[in-house]
């Protein structure tokens, strides 16, 4: 059965769909609410927001992450990377490690997370906009794609006063003994 005059459209984001619908129906409030919302947009709900970051000093890299629920840190972790070859990527090695450790934790907890990161490559490699050129970024992309059901990625601006991004930045630095 067909519907006379039906219009079929595909949209990349919910905002695009609502803007199109706004043009059709005159809706405006929904668009503003979603445009101002900084959270992950998903069909599947997330159980925790997770902020991640990496750091580097003197040939060593580190990571930090924090699980957030109701604007409170409920779980955190930090550590120092051991792979000397990965350390050549400097803080990027820590950024990758933070995300992978957070996804592993989500898997063991059986939860879905929204990962907030400040290094663009974290999402750009996974979505294919950047080419993963070394074995570390290639392994990262493979891992993230295999575990896509556990997370969503959301880029935030680093060192912009975001409370939780600053918090995990400090965690990663603390792991290397760097004082704020």
Protein backbone atom coordinates (compact mmCIF):
# COMPACT_ATOMS: atom_id res chain seq x y z
CA UNK A 1 0.00 0.00 0.00
CA UNK A 2 1.23 3.46 -0.87
CA UNK A 3 0.47 6.81 0.61
CA UNK A 4 -0.29 9.49 -1.92
CA UNK A 5 2.00 12.51 -1.49
CA UNK A 6 4.29 10.82 1.08
CA UNK A 7 7.76 12.37 1.43
CA UNK A 8 10.69 10.13 2.37
CA UNK A 9 13.86 11.74 3.66
CA UNK A 10 16.98 10.54 5.47
CA UNK A 11 18.87 12.64 8.00
CA UNK A 12 22.29 12.31 9.61
CA UNK A 13 21.18 13.82 12.94
CA UNK A 14 18.03 14.39 14.91
CA UNK A 15 18.65 18.14 14.68
CA UNK A 16 18.61 17.98 10.87
CA UNK A 17 15.36 16.02 10.95
CA UNK A 18 13.73 18.47 13.32
CA UNK A 19 14.87 21.44 11.25
CA UNK A 20 13.28 19.86 8.20
CA UNK A 21 10.15 19.09 10.21
CA UNK A 22 10.18 22.67 11.52
CA UNK A 23 10.07 23.90 7.97
CA UNK A 24 7.09 21.59 7.36
CA UNK A 25 5.20 22.03 10.67
CA UNK A 26 6.44 25.29 12.21
CA UNK A 27 8.04 23.58 15.26
CA UNK A 28 10.85 25.54 16.94
CA UNK A 29 11.11 24.67 20.63
CA UNK A 30 12.33 21.09 20.08
CA UNK A 31 15.17 22.24 17.85
CA UNK A 32 16.47 24.78 20.35
CA UNK A 33 16.36 22.25 23.20
CA UNK A 34 18.31 19.66 21.23
CA UNK A 35 20.80 22.18 19.80
CA UNK A 36 21.69 23.35 23.30
CA UNK A 37 21.93 19.82 24.70
CA UNK A 38 25.58 18.76 24.96
CA UNK A 39 24.82 15.11 25.73
CA UNK A 40 25.03 12.14 23.41
CA UNK A 41 22.07 11.64 21.09
CA UNK A 42 21.19 8.03 20.71
CA UNK A 43 18.46 5.59 20.07
CA UNK A 44 19.83 3.51 22.96
CA UNK A 45 20.06 5.21 26.35
CA UNK A 46 23.40 5.56 28.11
CA UNK A 47 23.91 4.61 31.75
CA UNK A 48 26.89 6.87 32.46
CA UNK A 49 28.70 9.82 31.02
CA UNK A 50 32.42 9.11 30.94
CA UNK A 51 35.15 11.71 30.56
CA UNK A 52 38.57 10.59 29.31
CA UNK A 53 41.98 12.19 28.89
CA UNK A 54 45.64 11.40 28.40
CA UNK A 55 48.91 13.03 29.37
CA UNK A 56 52.62 12.74 28.57
CA UNK A 57 55.97 13.73 30.07
CA UNK A 58 59.56 12.55 29.65
CA UNK A 59 58.80 9.58 27.40
CA UNK A 60 55.89 8.31 29.53
CA UNK A 61 52.15 8.53 28.89
CA UNK A 62 49.16 8.16 31.16
CA UNK A 63 45.39 8.04 31.12
CA UNK A 64 42.49 9.03 33.32
CA UNK A 65 38.76 8.50 33.12
CA UNK A 66 35.72 9.11 35.29
CA UNK A 67 32.20 7.67 35.16
CA UNK A 68 29.63 10.36 35.92
CA UNK A 69 26.03 9.87 37.08
CA UNK A 70 23.75 12.72 38.12
CA UNK A 71 26.64 15.22 37.88
CA UNK A 72 28.75 13.20 40.37
CA UNK A 73 31.91 11.13 39.86
CA UNK A 74 30.92 7.57 40.78
CA UNK A 75 33.98 5.72 39.49
CA UNK A 76 37.42 6.81 38.33
CA UNK A 77 40.69 5.30 37.24
CA UNK A 78 44.12 6.43 36.15
CA UNK A 79 47.28 4.68 35.08
CA UNK A 80 50.58 4.86 33.26
CA UNK A 81 51.08 3.19 29.91
CA UNK A 82 53.85 0.62 29.62
CA UNK A 83 54.39 0.43 25.84
CA UNK A 84 57.54 2.38 24.93
CA UNK A 85 56.68 2.32 21.24
CA UNK A 86 53.20 3.73 21.93
CA UNK A 87 54.83 6.48 24.01
CA UNK A 88 56.19 7.91 20.75
CA UNK A 89 52.61 9.08 20.15
CA UNK A 90 52.98 11.17 23.33
CA UNK A 91 49.65 12.10 25.01
CA UNK A 92 47.66 10.52 22.15
CA UNK A 93 48.69 7.11 23.50
CA UNK A 94 47.09 8.11 26.81
CA UNK A 95 43.95 9.41 25.11
CA UNK A 96 43.51 6.05 23.37
CA UNK A 97 44.27 4.10 26.54
CA UNK A 98 41.70 6.12 28.53
CA UNK A 99 38.92 5.38 26.08
CA UNK A 100 39.74 1.68 25.77
CA UNK A 101 39.98 1.24 29.56
CA UNK A 102 36.62 3.02 29.96
CA UNK A 103 34.97 0.78 27.35
CA UNK A 104 36.43 -2.31 29.04
CA UNK A 105 34.99 -1.14 32.37
CA UNK A 106 31.60 -0.54 30.74
CA UNK A 107 31.68 -4.06 29.30
CA UNK A 108 32.45 -5.65 32.68
CA UNK A 109 29.67 -3.59 34.27
CA UNK A 110 27.24 -4.40 31.45
CA UNK A 111 26.44 -0.72 30.84
CA UNK A 112 26.37 1.70 27.94
CA UNK A 113 28.38 4.93 28.15
CA UNK A 114 28.72 8.29 26.45
CA UNK A 115 32.46 9.02 26.19
CA UNK A 116 33.44 12.68 26.24
CA UNK A 117 36.93 13.26 24.83
CA UNK A 118 38.94 16.34 23.91
CA UNK A 119 41.27 14.86 21.28
CA UNK A 120 39.58 14.78 17.86
CA UNK A 121 41.26 11.56 16.72
CA UNK A 122 39.33 9.55 19.29
CA UNK A 123 36.16 9.83 17.24
CA UNK A 124 37.62 10.72 13.83
CA UNK A 125 39.53 7.41 13.51
CA UNK A 126 36.49 5.38 14.54
CA UNK A 127 34.09 7.11 12.15
CA UNK A 128 36.59 6.88 9.29
CA UNK A 129 37.22 10.61 8.82
CA UNK A 130 40.88 10.11 9.77
CA UNK A 131 42.99 7.24 8.50
CA UNK A 132 44.50 5.05 11.24
CA UNK A 133 48.09 4.86 10.01
CA UNK A 134 50.00 2.99 12.70
CA UNK A 135 49.44 -0.26 14.53
CA UNK A 136 48.20 1.50 17.67
CA UNK A 137 45.52 3.59 15.97
CA UNK A 138 44.54 0.61 13.79
CA UNK A 139 44.17 -1.61 16.87
CA UNK A 140 42.16 1.17 18.56
CA UNK A 141 39.75 1.44 15.61
CA UNK A 142 39.33 -2.32 15.46
CA UNK A 143 38.63 -2.54 19.20
CA UNK A 144 36.15 0.32 19.16
CA UNK A 145 34.26 -1.02 16.18
CA UNK A 146 34.04 -4.49 17.76
CA UNK A 147 32.61 -2.93 20.93
CA UNK A 148 30.35 -0.28 19.36
CA UNK A 149 27.31 -1.41 21.38
CA UNK A 150 28.86 -0.17 24.63
CA UNK A 151 29.53 3.48 23.85
CA UNK A 152 28.91 6.69 21.98
CA UNK A 153 31.60 9.31 21.41
CA UNK A 154 31.23 13.04 21.97
CA UNK A 155 33.96 15.63 21.38
CA UNK A 156 34.38 18.41 23.97
CA UNK A 157 36.75 21.35 23.93
CA UNK A 158 39.79 20.76 26.10
CA UNK A 159 40.93 23.27 28.73
CA UNK A 160 37.69 25.21 28.38
CA UNK A 161 36.52 25.07 31.97
CA UNK A 162 34.48 21.87 31.57
CA UNK A 163 34.47 20.56 35.13
CA UNK A 164 34.73 16.85 34.33
CA UNK A 165 37.15 17.25 31.44
CA UNK A 166 39.43 19.23 33.75
CA UNK A 167 38.98 16.53 36.40
CA UNK A 168 40.20 13.68 34.16
CA UNK A 169 43.02 15.90 32.87
CA UNK A 170 44.20 16.15 36.48
CA UNK A 171 43.82 12.37 36.95
CA UNK A 172 46.02 11.67 33.92
CA UNK A 173 48.63 14.17 35.12
CA UNK A 174 48.57 12.75 38.67
CA UNK A 175 49.32 9.29 37.29
CA UNK A 176 52.63 10.69 36.01
CA UNK A 177 53.30 12.75 39.15
CA UNK A 178 52.63 16.06 37.39
CA UNK A 179 51.39 18.72 39.78
CA UNK A 180 48.61 21.03 38.53
